[in-house]
Amino acid sequence: MARPKKQPAERRCAALRSDLTIAELIYVREQAERAGLSAAEYTRRRVLGAKVEAAEERRVQAALVSEINRLGNQLAALGNLTNQIALYCHTDRSIPESWESLPQEIKATRQLVEQTLEKVLFDHGS
């Protein structure tokens, strides 16, 4: 489902430029990062007097999310291979010896996924 279109008065189409020193720009970017916002959104909120708080420390690190996605893709590939093996077995053929390690591979990958999820949940507070 598509997001509803904004009314003309709600659209952010006007820009405001401000000159900063390098140190000021670095400070703004650091503050924005601490708040979990883009520099533009952080600046907009500050200019309009909105309260900007530091983001929760529980935010998941991008590297961990990437690792979970990678492991999930690996599990999906192993699942597809398992389905192919099941189809192969239903044709009354014997399983090649090279396929015998598949159950161990699935278990090992599942354990890696569990360990990564535990790291995300417990290392960053749940």
PDB file of N, CA and C in Angstrom:
ATOM      1  N   MET A   1       0.845  -1.165   0.000  1.00  0.00           N
ATOM      2  CA  MET A   1       0.000   0.000   0.000  1.00  0.00           C
ATOM      3  C   MET A   1       0.895   1.234   0.000  1.00  0.00           C
ATOM      4  N   ALA A   2       0.598   2.148  -0.865  1.00  0.00           N
ATOM      5  CA  ALA A   2       1.387   3.372  -0.976  1.00  0.00           C
ATOM      6  C   ALA A   2       1.060   4.340   0.156  1.00  0.00           C
ATOM      7  N   ARG A   3       2.026   5.138   0.472  1.00  0.00           N
ATOM      8  CA  ARG A   3       1.863   6.146   1.503  1.00  0.00           C
ATOM      9  C   ARG A   3       0.970   7.267   0.971  1.00  0.00           C
ATOM     10  N   PRO A   4       0.063   7.822   1.796  1.00  0.00           N
ATOM     11  CA  PRO A   4      -0.809   8.895   1.319  1.00  0.00           C
ATOM     12  C   PRO A   4      -0.009  10.133   0.937  1.00  0.00           C
ATOM     13  N   LYS A   5      -0.449  10.814  -0.088  1.00  0.00           N
ATOM     14  CA  LYS A   5       0.225  12.036  -0.532  1.00  0.00           C
ATOM     15  C   LYS A   5      -0.033  13.154   0.463  1.00  0.00           C
ATOM     16  N   LYS A   6       0.990  13.962   0.661  1.00  0.00           N
ATOM     17  CA  LYS A   6       0.869  15.091   1.573  1.00  0.00           C
ATOM     18  C   LYS A   6       0.150  16.240   0.892  1.00  0.00           C
ATOM     19  N   GLN A   7      -0.498  17.053   1.707  1.00  0.00           N
ATOM     20  CA  GLN A   7      -1.121  18.269   1.204  1.00  0.00           C
ATOM     21  C   GLN A   7      -0.002  19.240   0.813  1.00  0.00           C
ATOM     22  N   PRO A   8      -0.272  20.166  -0.101  1.00  0.00           N
ATOM     23  CA  PRO A   8       0.785  21.095  -0.533  1.00  0.00           C
ATOM     24  C   PRO A   8       1.461  21.831   0.632  1.00  0.00           C
ATOM     25  N   ALA A   9       0.709  22.200   1.655  1.00  0.00           N
ATOM     26  CA  ALA A   9       1.282  22.932   2.783  1.00  0.00           C
ATOM     27  C   ALA A   9       2.153  22.036   3.666  1.00  0.00           C
ATOM     28  N   GLU A  10       2.008  20.705   3.549  1.00  0.00           N
ATOM     29  CA  GLU A  10       2.779  19.777   4.367  1.00  0.00           C
ATOM     30  C   GLU A  10       4.094  19.360   3.715  1.00  0.00           C
ATOM     31  N   ARG A  11       4.251  19.645   2.433  1.00  0.00           N
ATOM     32  CA  ARG A  11       5.444  19.221   1.704  1.00  0.00           C
ATOM     33  C   ARG A  11       6.627  20.116   2.045  1.00  0.00           C
ATOM     34  N   ARG A  12       7.765  19.489   2.247  1.00  0.00           N
ATOM     35  CA  ARG A  12       8.978  20.250   2.524  1.00  0.00           C
ATOM     36  C   ARG A  12       9.689  20.512   1.208  1.00  0.00           C
ATOM     37  N   CYS A  13       9.458  21.674   0.661  1.00  0.00           N
ATOM     38  CA  CYS A  13      10.041  21.993  -0.641  1.00  0.00           C
ATOM     39  C   CYS A  13      10.930  23.233  -0.583  1.00  0.00           C
ATOM     40  N   ALA A  14      10.942  23.945   0.545  1.00  0.00           N
ATOM     41  CA  ALA A  14      11.778  25.135   0.673  1.00  0.00           C
ATOM     42  C   ALA A  14      13.062  24.768   1.396  1.00  0.00           C
ATOM     43  N   ALA A  15      14.185  25.313   0.923  1.00  0.00           N
ATOM     44  CA  ALA A  15      15.480  25.016   1.521  1.00  0.00           C
ATOM     45  C   ALA A  15      16.036  26.262   2.198  1.00  0.00           C
ATOM     46  N   LEU A  16      16.858  26.026   3.222  1.00  0.00           N
ATOM     47  CA  LEU A  16      17.523  27.101   3.948  1.00  0.00           C
ATOM     48  C   LEU A  16      18.988  26.729   4.039  1.00  0.00           C
ATOM     49  N   ARG A  17      19.848  27.628   3.631  1.00  0.00           N
ATOM     50  CA  ARG A  17      21.279  27.343   3.649  1.00  0.00           C
ATOM     51  C   ARG A  17      21.933  28.149   4.754  1.00  0.00           C
ATOM     52  N   SER A  18      22.922  27.559   5.400  1.00  0.00           N
ATOM     53  CA  SER A  18      23.641  28.246   6.457  1.00  0.00           C
ATOM     54  C   SER A  18      25.128  27.956   6.319  1.00  0.00           C
ATOM     55  N   ASP A  19      25.954  28.962   6.514  1.00  0.00           N
ATOM     56  CA  ASP A  19      27.404  28.786   6.443  1.00  0.00           C
ATOM     57  C   ASP A  19      27.935  28.418   7.817  1.00  0.00           C
ATOM     58  N   LEU A  20      28.720  27.350   7.873  1.00  0.00           N
ATOM     59  CA  LEU A  20      29.298  26.865   9.116  1.00  0.00           C
ATOM     60  C   LEU A  20      30.800  26.695   8.944  1.00  0.00           C
ATOM     61  N   THR A  21      31.501  26.747  10.058  1.00  0.00           N
ATOM     62  CA  THR A  21      32.909  26.365  10.005  1.00  0.00           C
ATOM     63  C   THR A  21      32.967  24.844   9.935  1.00  0.00           C
ATOM     64  N   ILE A  22      34.135  24.328   9.603  1.00  0.00           N
ATOM     65  CA  ILE A  22      34.301  22.867   9.559  1.00  0.00           C
ATOM     66  C   ILE A  22      34.004  22.278  10.933  1.00  0.00           C
ATOM     67  N   ALA A  23      34.495  22.928  11.979  1.00  0.00           N
ATOM     68  CA  ALA A  23      34.264  22.425  13.341  1.00  0.00           C
ATOM     69  C   ALA A  23      32.778  22.426  13.679  1.00  0.00           C
ATOM     70  N   GLU A  24      32.062  23.462  13.275  1.00  0.00           N
ATOM     71  CA  GLU A  24      30.624  23.527  13.541  1.00  0.00           C
ATOM     72  C   GLU A  24      29.885  22.426  12.787  1.00  0.00           C
ATOM     73  N   LEU A  25      30.277  22.212  11.547  1.00  0.00           N
ATOM     74  CA  LEU A  25      29.643  21.168  10.740  1.00  0.00           C
ATOM     75  C   LEU A  25      29.891  19.796  11.355  1.00  0.00           C
ATOM     76  N   ILE A  26      31.103  19.542  11.798  1.00  0.00           N
ATOM     77  CA  ILE A  26      31.414  18.266  12.449  1.00  0.00           C
ATOM     78  C   ILE A  26      30.568  18.110  13.708  1.00  0.00           C
ATOM     79  N   TYR A  27      30.447  19.176  14.484  1.00  0.00           N
ATOM     80  CA  TYR A  27      29.636  19.129  15.703  1.00  0.00           C
ATOM     81  C   TYR A  27      28.176  18.803  15.377  1.00  0.00           C
ATOM     82  N   VAL A  28      27.621  19.460  14.382  1.00  0.00           N
ATOM     83  CA  VAL A  28      26.225  19.214  13.995  1.00  0.00           C
ATOM     84  C   VAL A  28      26.053  17.765  13.563  1.00  0.00           C
ATOM     85  N   ARG A  29      26.971  17.272  12.773  1.00  0.00           N
ATOM     86  CA  ARG A  29      26.873  15.879  12.313  1.00  0.00           C
ATOM     87  C   ARG A  29      26.981  14.895  13.477  1.00  0.00           C
ATOM     88  N   GLU A  30      27.876  15.177  14.422  1.00  0.00           N
ATOM     89  CA  GLU A  30      28.007  14.301  15.593  1.00  0.00           C
ATOM     90  C   GLU A  30      26.734  14.306  16.429  1.00  0.00           C
ATOM     91  N   GLN A  31      26.168  15.489  16.640  1.00  0.00           N
ATOM     92  CA  GLN A  31      24.939  15.590  17.424  1.00  0.00           C
ATOM     93  C   GLN A  31      23.792  14.871  16.716  1.00  0.00           C
ATOM     94  N   ALA A  32      23.732  15.020  15.408  1.00  0.00           N
ATOM     95  CA  ALA A  32      22.687  14.346  14.625  1.00  0.00           C
ATOM     96  C   ALA A  32      22.834  12.833  14.730  1.00  0.00           C
ATOM     97  N   GLU A  33      24.066  12.357  14.643  1.00  0.00           N
ATOM     98  CA  GLU A  33      24.308  10.915  14.743  1.00  0.00           C
ATOM     99  C   GLU A  33      23.907  10.394  16.124  1.00  0.00           C
ATOM    100  N   ARG A  34      24.242  11.140  17.164  1.00  0.00           N
ATOM    101  CA  ARG A  34      23.870  10.739  18.523  1.00  0.00           C
ATOM    102  C   ARG A  34      22.356  10.675  18.686  1.00  0.00           C
ATOM    103  N   ALA A  35      21.650  11.543  17.962  1.00  0.00           N
ATOM    104  CA  ALA A  35      20.188  11.567  18.035  1.00  0.00           C
ATOM    105  C   ALA A  35      19.551  10.572  17.079  1.00  0.00           C
ATOM    106  N   GLY A  36      20.358   9.949  16.235  1.00  0.00           N
ATOM    107  CA  GLY A  36      19.819   8.989  15.276  1.00  0.00           C
ATOM    108  C   GLY A  36      19.088   9.665  14.126  1.00  0.00           C
ATOM    109  N   LEU A  37      19.514  10.876  13.786  1.00  0.00           N
ATOM    110  CA  LEU A  37      18.870  11.648  12.734  1.00  0.00           C
ATOM    111  C   LEU A  37      19.878  12.026  11.662  1.00  0.00           C
ATOM    112  N   SER A  38      19.373  12.388  10.496  1.00  0.00           N
ATOM    113  CA  SER A  38      20.256  12.962   9.486  1.00  0.00           C
ATOM    114  C   SER A  38      20.619  14.369   9.942  1.00  0.00           C
ATOM    115  N   ALA A  39      21.691  14.910   9.398  1.00  0.00           N
ATOM    116  CA  ALA A  39      22.100  16.268   9.763  1.00  0.00           C
ATOM    117  C   ALA A  39      21.000  17.266   9.394  1.00  0.00           C
ATOM    118  N   ALA A  40      20.348  17.046   8.262  1.00  0.00           N
ATOM    119  CA  ALA A  40      19.284  17.959   7.837  1.00  0.00           C
ATOM    120  C   ALA A  40      18.096  17.921   8.796  1.00  0.00           C
ATOM    121  N   GLU A  41      17.679  16.724   9.195  1.00  0.00           N
ATOM    122  CA  GLU A  41      16.534  16.602  10.110  1.00  0.00           C
ATOM    123  C   GLU A  41      16.888  17.145  11.488  1.00  0.00           C
ATOM    124  N   TYR A  42      18.106  16.879  11.948  1.00  0.00           N
ATOM    125  CA  TYR A  42      18.546  17.408  13.238  1.00  0.00           C
ATOM    126  C   TYR A  42      18.516  18.947  13.214  1.00  0.00           C
ATOM    127  N   THR A  43      19.075  19.524  12.165  1.00  0.00           N
ATOM    128  CA  THR A  43      19.114  20.989  12.032  1.00  0.00           C
ATOM    129  C   THR A  43      17.707  21.564  11.959  1.00  0.00           C
ATOM    130  N   ARG A  44      16.831  20.929  11.172  1.00  0.00           N
ATOM    131  CA  ARG A  44      15.450  21.408  11.041  1.00  0.00           C
ATOM    132  C   ARG A  44      14.768  21.430  12.403  1.00  0.00           C
ATOM    133  N   ARG A  45      14.919  20.364  13.153  1.00  0.00           N
ATOM    134  CA  ARG A  45      14.282  20.306  14.474  1.00  0.00           C
ATOM    135  C   ARG A  45      14.841  21.358  15.421  1.00  0.00           C
ATOM    136  N   ARG A  46      16.154  21.541  15.393  1.00  0.00           N
ATOM    137  CA  ARG A  46      16.763  22.536  16.284  1.00  0.00           C
ATOM    138  C   ARG A  46      16.339  23.951  15.910  1.00  0.00           C
ATOM    139  N   VAL A  47      16.293  24.250  14.623  1.00  0.00           N
ATOM    140  CA  VAL A  47      15.888  25.586  14.169  1.00  0.00           C
ATOM    141  C   VAL A  47      14.448  25.878  14.581  1.00  0.00           C
ATOM    142  N   LEU A  48      13.596  24.856  14.514  1.00  0.00           N
ATOM    143  CA  LEU A  48      12.185  25.043  14.859  1.00  0.00           C
ATOM    144  C   LEU A  48      11.921  24.910  16.356  1.00  0.00           C
ATOM    145  N   GLY A  49      12.955  24.693  17.136  1.00  0.00           N
ATOM    146  CA  GLY A  49      12.804  24.654  18.583  1.00  0.00           C
ATOM    147  C   GLY A  49      12.297  23.330  19.131  1.00  0.00           C
ATOM    148  N   ALA A  50      12.307  22.288  18.312  1.00  0.00           N
ATOM    149  CA  ALA A  50      11.855  20.979  18.781  1.00  0.00           C
ATOM    150  C   ALA A  50      12.935  20.364  19.664  1.00  0.00           C
ATOM    151  N   LYS A  51      12.505  19.580  20.634  1.00  0.00           N
ATOM    152  CA  LYS A  51      13.440  18.918  21.527  1.00  0.00           C
ATOM    153  C   LYS A  51      14.102  17.758  20.779  1.00  0.00           C
ATOM    154  N   VAL A  52      15.426  17.692  20.872  1.00  0.00           N
ATOM    155  CA  VAL A  52      16.172  16.617  20.227  1.00  0.00           C
ATOM    156  C   VAL A  52      16.905  15.854  21.315  1.00  0.00           C
ATOM    157  N   GLU A  53      16.583  14.574  21.437  1.00  0.00           N
ATOM    158  CA  GLU A  53      17.201  13.737  22.457  1.00  0.00           C
ATOM    159  C   GLU A  53      18.115  12.720  21.799  1.00  0.00           C
ATOM    160  N   ALA A  54      19.073  12.263  22.564  1.00  0.00           N
ATOM    161  CA  ALA A  54      19.977  11.226  22.067  1.00  0.00           C
ATOM    162  C   ALA A  54      19.180   9.952  21.803  1.00  0.00           C
ATOM    163  N   ALA A  55      19.554   9.283  20.751  1.00  0.00           N
ATOM    164  CA  ALA A  55      18.892   8.021  20.424  1.00  0.00           C
ATOM    165  C   ALA A  55      19.205   7.002  21.509  1.00  0.00           C
ATOM    166  N   GLU A  56      18.348   6.021  21.634  1.00  0.00           N
ATOM    167  CA  GLU A  56      18.559   4.962  22.613  1.00  0.00           C
ATOM    168  C   GLU A  56      19.828   4.196  22.281  1.00  0.00           C
ATOM    169  N   GLU A  57      20.530   3.803  23.310  1.00  0.00           N
ATOM    170  CA  GLU A  57      21.758   3.033  23.128  1.00  0.00           C
ATOM    171  C   GLU A  57      21.470   1.648  22.565  1.00  0.00           C
ATOM    172  N   ARG A  58      20.214   1.226  22.590  1.00  0.00           N
ATOM    173  CA  ARG A  58      19.845  -0.114  22.114  1.00  0.00           C
ATOM    174  C   ARG A  58      19.797  -0.209  20.607  1.00  0.00           C
ATOM    175  N   ARG A  59      20.028   0.899  19.919  1.00  0.00           N
ATOM    176  CA  ARG A  59      19.938   0.854  18.462  1.00  0.00           C
ATOM    177  C   ARG A  59      20.865  -0.224  17.925  1.00  0.00           C
ATOM    178  N   VAL A  60      20.364  -0.982  17.013  1.00  0.00           N
ATOM    179  CA  VAL A  60      21.120  -2.091  16.455  1.00  0.00           C
ATOM    180  C   VAL A  60      22.159  -1.544  15.476  1.00  0.00           C
ATOM    181  N   GLN A  61      23.359  -2.064  15.584  1.00  0.00           N
ATOM    182  CA  GLN A  61      24.417  -1.635  14.689  1.00  0.00           C
ATOM    183  C   GLN A  61      24.172  -2.175  13.290  1.00  0.00           C
ATOM    184  N   ALA A  62      24.484  -1.357  12.307  1.00  0.00           N
ATOM    185  CA  ALA A  62      24.260  -1.741  10.917  1.00  0.00           C
ATOM    186  C   ALA A  62      25.024  -3.007  10.552  1.00  0.00           C
ATOM    187  N   ALA A  63      26.218  -3.179  11.093  1.00  0.00           N
ATOM    188  CA  ALA A  63      27.008  -4.375  10.772  1.00  0.00           C
ATOM    189  C   ALA A  63      26.316  -5.640  11.262  1.00  0.00           C
ATOM    190  N   LEU A  64      25.681  -5.563  12.428  1.00  0.00           N
ATOM    191  CA  LEU A  64      24.988  -6.742  12.943  1.00  0.00           C
ATOM    192  C   LEU A  64      23.748  -7.056  12.110  1.00  0.00           C
ATOM    193  N   VAL A  65      23.032  -6.031  11.697  1.00  0.00           N
ATOM    194  CA  VAL A  65      21.863  -6.246  10.839  1.00  0.00           C
ATOM    195  C   VAL A  65      22.303  -6.872   9.526  1.00  0.00           C
ATOM    196  N   SER A  66      23.398  -6.373   8.986  1.00  0.00           N
ATOM    197  CA  SER A  66      23.927  -6.921   7.741  1.00  0.00           C
ATOM    198  C   SER A  66      24.310  -8.388   7.911  1.00  0.00           C
ATOM    199  N   GLU A  67      24.917  -8.709   9.048  1.00  0.00           N
ATOM    200  CA  GLU A  67      25.304 -10.096   9.321  1.00  0.00           C
ATOM    201  C   GLU A  67      24.079 -10.996   9.449  1.00  0.00           C
ATOM    202  N   ILE A  68      23.052 -10.520  10.123  1.00  0.00           N
ATOM    203  CA  ILE A  68      21.818 -11.303  10.252  1.00  0.00           C
ATOM    204  C   ILE A  68      21.191 -11.526   8.881  1.00  0.00           C
ATOM    205  N   ASN A  69      21.164 -10.504   8.051  1.00  0.00           N
ATOM    206  CA  ASN A  69      20.618 -10.650   6.697  1.00  0.00           C
ATOM    207  C   ASN A  69      21.422 -11.660   5.888  1.00  0.00           C
ATOM    208  N   ARG A  70      22.758 -11.603   6.014  1.00  0.00           N
ATOM    209  CA  ARG A  70      23.610 -12.535   5.292  1.00  0.00           C
ATOM    210  C   ARG A  70      23.339 -13.970   5.736  1.00  0.00           C
ATOM    211  N   LEU A  71      23.238 -14.169   7.052  1.00  0.00           N
ATOM    212  CA  LEU A  71      22.961 -15.509   7.570  1.00  0.00           C
ATOM    213  C   LEU A  71      21.565 -15.974   7.164  1.00  0.00           C
ATOM    214  N   GLY A  72      20.606 -15.066   7.154  1.00  0.00           N
ATOM    215  CA  GLY A  72      19.254 -15.415   6.714  1.00  0.00           C
ATOM    216  C   GLY A  72      19.243 -15.856   5.262  1.00  0.00           C
ATOM    217  N   ASN A  73      19.994 -15.159   4.421  1.00  0.00           N
ATOM    218  CA  ASN A  73      20.091 -15.551   3.012  1.00  0.00           C
ATOM    219  C   ASN A  73      20.750 -16.916   2.870  1.00  0.00           C
ATOM    220  N   GLN A  74      21.751 -17.165   3.709  1.00  0.00           N
ATOM    221  CA  GLN A  74      22.419 -18.467   3.683  1.00  0.00           C
ATOM    222  C   GLN A  74      21.457 -19.573   4.109  1.00  0.00           C
ATOM    223  N   LEU A  75      20.659 -19.300   5.153  1.00  0.00           N
ATOM    224  CA  LEU A  75      19.655 -20.289   5.578  1.00  0.00           C
ATOM    225  C   LEU A  75      18.622 -20.539   4.475  1.00  0.00           C
ATOM    226  N   ALA A  76      18.209 -19.479   3.806  1.00  0.00           N
ATOM    227  CA  ALA A  76      17.237 -19.634   2.717  1.00  0.00           C
ATOM    228  C   ALA A  76      17.809 -20.493   1.599  1.00  0.00           C
ATOM    229  N   ALA A  77      19.086 -20.282   1.291  1.00  0.00           N
ATOM    230  CA  ALA A  77      19.718 -21.085   0.245  1.00  0.00           C
ATOM    231  C   ALA A  77      19.789 -22.554   0.663  1.00  0.00           C
ATOM    232  N   LEU A  78      20.117 -22.784   1.943  1.00  0.00           N
ATOM    233  CA  LEU A  78      20.150 -24.171   2.428  1.00  0.00           C
ATOM    234  C   LEU A  78      18.750 -24.785   2.414  1.00  0.00           C
ATOM    235  N   GLY A  79      17.739 -23.991   2.726  1.00  0.00           N
ATOM    236  CA  GLY A  79      16.359 -24.485   2.671  1.00  0.00           C
ATOM    237  C   GLY A  79      15.962 -24.868   1.253  1.00  0.00           C
ATOM    238  N   ASN A  80      16.358 -24.042   0.290  1.00  0.00           N
ATOM    239  CA  ASN A  80      16.070 -24.359  -1.110  1.00  0.00           C
ATOM    240  C   ASN A  80      16.753 -25.659  -1.523  1.00  0.00           C
ATOM    241  N   LEU A  81      18.001 -25.806  -1.093  1.00  0.00           N
ATOM    242  CA  LEU A  81      18.719 -27.035  -1.406  1.00  0.00           C
ATOM    243  C   LEU A  81      18.037 -28.242  -0.766  1.00  0.00           C
ATOM    244  N   THR A  82      17.550 -28.072   0.454  1.00  0.00           N
ATOM    245  CA  THR A  82      16.838 -29.161   1.134  1.00  0.00           C
ATOM    246  C   THR A  82      15.591 -29.560   0.343  1.00  0.00           C
ATOM    247  N   ASN A  83      14.862 -28.576  -0.153  1.00  0.00           N
ATOM    248  CA  ASN A  83      13.681 -28.877  -0.973  1.00  0.00           C
ATOM    249  C   ASN A  83      14.067 -29.620  -2.244  1.00  0.00           C
ATOM    250  N   GLN A  84      15.176 -29.235  -2.837  1.00  0.00           N
ATOM    251  CA  GLN A  84      15.626 -29.929  -4.040  1.00  0.00           C
ATOM    252  C   GLN A  84      16.004 -31.375  -3.724  1.00  0.00           C
ATOM    253  N   ILE A  85      16.622 -31.586  -2.564  1.00  0.00           N
ATOM    254  CA  ILE A  85      16.979 -32.944  -2.154  1.00  0.00           C
ATOM    255  C   ILE A  85      15.721 -33.776  -1.923  1.00  0.00           C
ATOM    256  N   ALA A  86      14.713 -33.174  -1.276  1.00  0.00           N
ATOM    257  CA  ALA A  86      13.458 -33.897  -1.049  1.00  0.00           C
ATOM    258  C   ALA A  86      12.832 -34.300  -2.381  1.00  0.00           C
ATOM    259  N   LEU A  87      12.829 -33.397  -3.333  1.00  0.00           N
ATOM    260  CA  LEU A  87      12.290 -33.713  -4.656  1.00  0.00           C
ATOM    261  C   LEU A  87      13.111 -34.832  -5.307  1.00  0.00           C
ATOM    262  N   TYR A  88      14.416 -34.747  -5.166  1.00  0.00           N
ATOM    263  CA  TYR A  88      15.309 -35.767  -5.720  1.00  0.00           C
ATOM    264  C   TYR A  88      15.010 -37.131  -5.111  1.00  0.00           C
ATOM    265  N   CYS A  89      14.796 -37.156  -3.784  1.00  0.00           N
ATOM    266  CA  CYS A  89      14.515 -38.422  -3.094  1.00  0.00           C
ATOM    267  C   CYS A  89      13.180 -39.022  -3.521  1.00  0.00           C
ATOM    268  N   HIS A  90      12.225 -38.182  -3.866  1.00  0.00           N
ATOM    269  CA  HIS A  90      10.914 -38.680  -4.284  1.00  0.00           C
ATOM    270  C   HIS A  90      10.941 -39.289  -5.677  1.00  0.00           C
ATOM    271  N   THR A  91      12.077 -39.191  -6.326  1.00  0.00           N
ATOM    272  CA  THR A  91      12.218 -39.825  -7.639  1.00  0.00           C
ATOM    273  C   THR A  91      12.905 -41.182  -7.517  1.00  0.00           C
ATOM    274  N   ASP A  92      12.987 -41.708  -6.281  1.00  0.00           N
ATOM    275  CA  ASP A  92      13.575 -43.017  -5.987  1.00  0.00           C
ATOM    276  C   ASP A  92      15.054 -43.111  -6.343  1.00  0.00           C
ATOM    277  N   ARG A  93      15.744 -41.986  -6.287  1.00  0.00           N
ATOM    278  CA  ARG A  93      17.190 -41.998  -6.494  1.00  0.00           C
ATOM    279  C   ARG A  93      17.873 -41.903  -5.138  1.00  0.00           C
ATOM    280  N   SER A  94      19.079 -42.395  -5.052  1.00  0.00           N
ATOM    281  CA  SER A  94      19.811 -42.293  -3.792  1.00  0.00           C
ATOM    282  C   SER A  94      20.518 -40.936  -3.721  1.00  0.00           C
ATOM    283  N   ILE A  95      20.725 -40.497  -2.495  1.00  0.00           N
ATOM    284  CA  ILE A  95      21.353 -39.190  -2.282  1.00  0.00           C
ATOM    285  C   ILE A  95      22.853 -39.319  -2.506  1.00  0.00           C
ATOM    286  N   PRO A  96      23.436 -38.428  -3.293  1.00  0.00           N
ATOM    287  CA  PRO A  96      24.898 -38.467  -3.481  1.00  0.00           C
ATOM    288  C   PRO A  96      25.621 -38.239  -2.147  1.00  0.00           C
ATOM    289  N   GLU A  97      26.790 -38.832  -1.981  1.00  0.00           N
ATOM    290  CA  GLU A  97      27.541 -38.711  -0.732  1.00  0.00           C
ATOM    291  C   GLU A  97      27.871 -37.254  -0.411  1.00  0.00           C
ATOM    292  N   SER A  98      28.076 -36.449  -1.410  1.00  0.00           N
ATOM    293  CA  SER A  98      28.430 -35.047  -1.179  1.00  0.00           C
ATOM    294  C   SER A  98      27.301 -34.275  -0.489  1.00  0.00           C
ATOM    295  N   TRP A  99      26.087 -34.805  -0.502  1.00  0.00           N
ATOM    296  CA  TRP A  99      24.949 -34.127   0.121  1.00  0.00           C
ATOM    297  C   TRP A  99      24.771 -34.509   1.588  1.00  0.00           C
ATOM    298  N   GLU A 100      25.525 -35.456   2.075  1.00  0.00           N
ATOM    299  CA  GLU A 100      25.331 -35.950   3.436  1.00  0.00           C
ATOM    300  C   GLU A 100      25.651 -34.917   4.504  1.00  0.00           C
ATOM    301  N   SER A 101      26.449 -33.921   4.188  1.00  0.00           N
ATOM    302  CA  SER A 101      26.820 -32.894   5.175  1.00  0.00           C
ATOM    303  C   SER A 101      25.758 -31.797   5.305  1.00  0.00           C
ATOM    304  N   LEU A 102      24.723 -31.851   4.485  1.00  0.00           N
ATOM    305  CA  LEU A 102      23.703 -30.795   4.504  1.00  0.00           C
ATOM    306  C   LEU A 102      23.056 -30.596   5.875  1.00  0.00           C
ATOM    307  N   PRO A 103      22.630 -31.642   6.593  1.00  0.00           N
ATOM    308  CA  PRO A 103      22.022 -31.408   7.912  1.00  0.00           C
ATOM    309  C   PRO A 103      22.964 -30.670   8.875  1.00  0.00           C
ATOM    310  N   GLN A 104      24.252 -31.021   8.857  1.00  0.00           N
ATOM    311  CA  GLN A 104      25.206 -30.342   9.725  1.00  0.00           C
ATOM    312  C   GLN A 104      25.379 -28.875   9.316  1.00  0.00           C
ATOM    313  N   GLU A 105      25.375 -28.611   8.028  1.00  0.00           N
ATOM    314  CA  GLU A 105      25.488 -27.227   7.538  1.00  0.00           C
ATOM    315  C   GLU A 105      24.291 -26.390   7.981  1.00  0.00           C
ATOM    316  N   ILE A 106      23.112 -26.967   7.908  1.00  0.00           N
ATOM    317  CA  ILE A 106      21.905 -26.250   8.330  1.00  0.00           C
ATOM    318  C   ILE A 106      21.970 -25.960   9.826  1.00  0.00           C
ATOM    319  N   LYS A 107      22.361 -26.950  10.622  1.00  0.00           N
ATOM    320  CA  LYS A 107      22.461 -26.754  12.071  1.00  0.00           C
ATOM    321  C   LYS A 107      23.506 -25.689  12.414  1.00  0.00           C
ATOM    322  N   ALA A 108      24.651 -25.742  11.760  1.00  0.00           N
ATOM    323  CA  ALA A 108      25.718 -24.774  12.036  1.00  0.00           C
ATOM    324  C   ALA A 108      25.274 -23.360  11.678  1.00  0.00           C
ATOM    325  N   THR A 109      24.604 -23.208  10.549  1.00  0.00           N
ATOM    326  CA  THR A 109      24.124 -21.884  10.143  1.00  0.00           C
ATOM    327  C   THR A 109      23.049 -21.385  11.093  1.00  0.00           C
ATOM    328  N   ARG A 110      22.158 -22.282  11.508  1.00  0.00           N
ATOM    329  CA  ARG A 110      21.123 -21.890  12.472  1.00  0.00           C
ATOM    330  C   ARG A 110      21.757 -21.421  13.779  1.00  0.00           C
ATOM    331  N   GLN A 111      22.793 -22.109  14.234  1.00  0.00           N
ATOM    332  CA  GLN A 111      23.482 -21.699  15.462  1.00  0.00           C
ATOM    333  C   GLN A 111      24.136 -20.327  15.296  1.00  0.00           C
ATOM    334  N   LEU A 112      24.717 -20.072  14.124  1.00  0.00           N
ATOM    335  CA  LEU A 112      25.306 -18.754  13.870  1.00  0.00           C
ATOM    336  C   LEU A 112      24.243 -17.655  13.915  1.00  0.00           C
ATOM    337  N   VAL A 113      23.080 -17.944  13.350  1.00  0.00           N
ATOM    338  CA  VAL A 113      21.982 -16.975  13.379  1.00  0.00           C
ATOM    339  C   VAL A 113      21.557 -16.723  14.825  1.00  0.00           C
ATOM    340  N   GLU A 114      21.406 -17.783  15.603  1.00  0.00           N
ATOM    341  CA  GLU A 114      21.011 -17.632  17.008  1.00  0.00           C
ATOM    342  C   GLU A 114      22.042 -16.830  17.790  1.00  0.00           C
ATOM    343  N   GLN A 115      23.329 -17.115  17.582  1.00  0.00           N
ATOM    344  CA  GLN A 115      24.386 -16.394  18.288  1.00  0.00           C
ATOM    345  C   GLN A 115      24.385 -14.910  17.906  1.00  0.00           C
ATOM    346  N   THR A 116      24.177 -14.633  16.635  1.00  0.00           N
ATOM    347  CA  THR A 116      24.156 -13.242  16.180  1.00  0.00           C
ATOM    348  C   THR A 116      22.955 -12.510  16.766  1.00  0.00           C
ATOM    349  N   LEU A 117      21.802 -13.172  16.783  1.00  0.00           N
ATOM    350  CA  LEU A 117      20.619 -12.552  17.385  1.00  0.00           C
ATOM    351  C   LEU A 117      20.824 -12.292  18.872  1.00  0.00           C
ATOM    352  N   GLU A 118      21.429 -13.251  19.579  1.00  0.00           N
ATOM    353  CA  GLU A 118      21.716 -13.051  21.002  1.00  0.00           C
ATOM    354  C   GLU A 118      22.655 -11.870  21.198  1.00  0.00           C
ATOM    355  N   LYS A 119      23.628 -11.740  20.311  1.00  0.00           N
ATOM    356  CA  LYS A 119      24.564 -10.615  20.407  1.00  0.00           C
ATOM    357  C   LYS A 119      23.839  -9.297  20.247  1.00  0.00           C
ATOM    358  N   VAL A 120      22.916  -9.243  19.295  1.00  0.00           N
ATOM    359  CA  VAL A 120      22.146  -8.023  19.068  1.00  0.00           C
ATOM    360  C   VAL A 120      21.285  -7.718  20.285  1.00  0.00           C
ATOM    361  N   LEU A 121      20.602  -8.718  20.810  1.00  0.00           N
ATOM    362  CA  LEU A 121      19.673  -8.494  21.900  1.00  0.00           C
ATOM    363  C   LEU A 121      20.351  -8.231  23.230  1.00  0.00           C
ATOM    364  N   PHE A 122      21.385  -9.004  23.557  1.00  0.00           N
ATOM    365  CA  PHE A 122      21.975  -8.915  24.887  1.00  0.00           C
ATOM    366  C   PHE A 122      23.127  -7.935  24.974  1.00  0.00           C
ATOM    367  N   ASP A 123      23.886  -7.748  23.900  1.00  0.00           N
ATOM    368  CA  ASP A 123      24.992  -6.787  23.937  1.00  0.00           C
ATOM    369  C   ASP A 123      24.488  -5.352  23.892  1.00  0.00           C
ATOM    370  N   HIS A 124      23.297  -5.153  23.359  1.00  0.00           N
ATOM    371  CA  HIS A 124      22.749  -3.799  23.224  1.00  0.00           C
ATOM    372  C   HIS A 124      21.569  -3.562  24.126  1.00  0.00           C
ATOM    373  N   GLY A 125      21.332  -4.441  25.080  1.00  0.00           N
ATOM    374  CA  GLY A 125      20.199  -4.286  26.005  1.00  0.00           C
ATOM    375  C   GLY A 125      18.894  -4.569  25.304  1.00  0.00           C
ATOM    376  N   SER A 126      18.024  -5.288  25.959  1.00  0.00           N
ATOM    377  CA  SER A 126      16.741  -5.611  25.318  1.00  0.00           C
ATOM    378  C   SER A 126      15.598  -4.982  26.040  1.00  0.00           C
TER     379      SER A 126
END
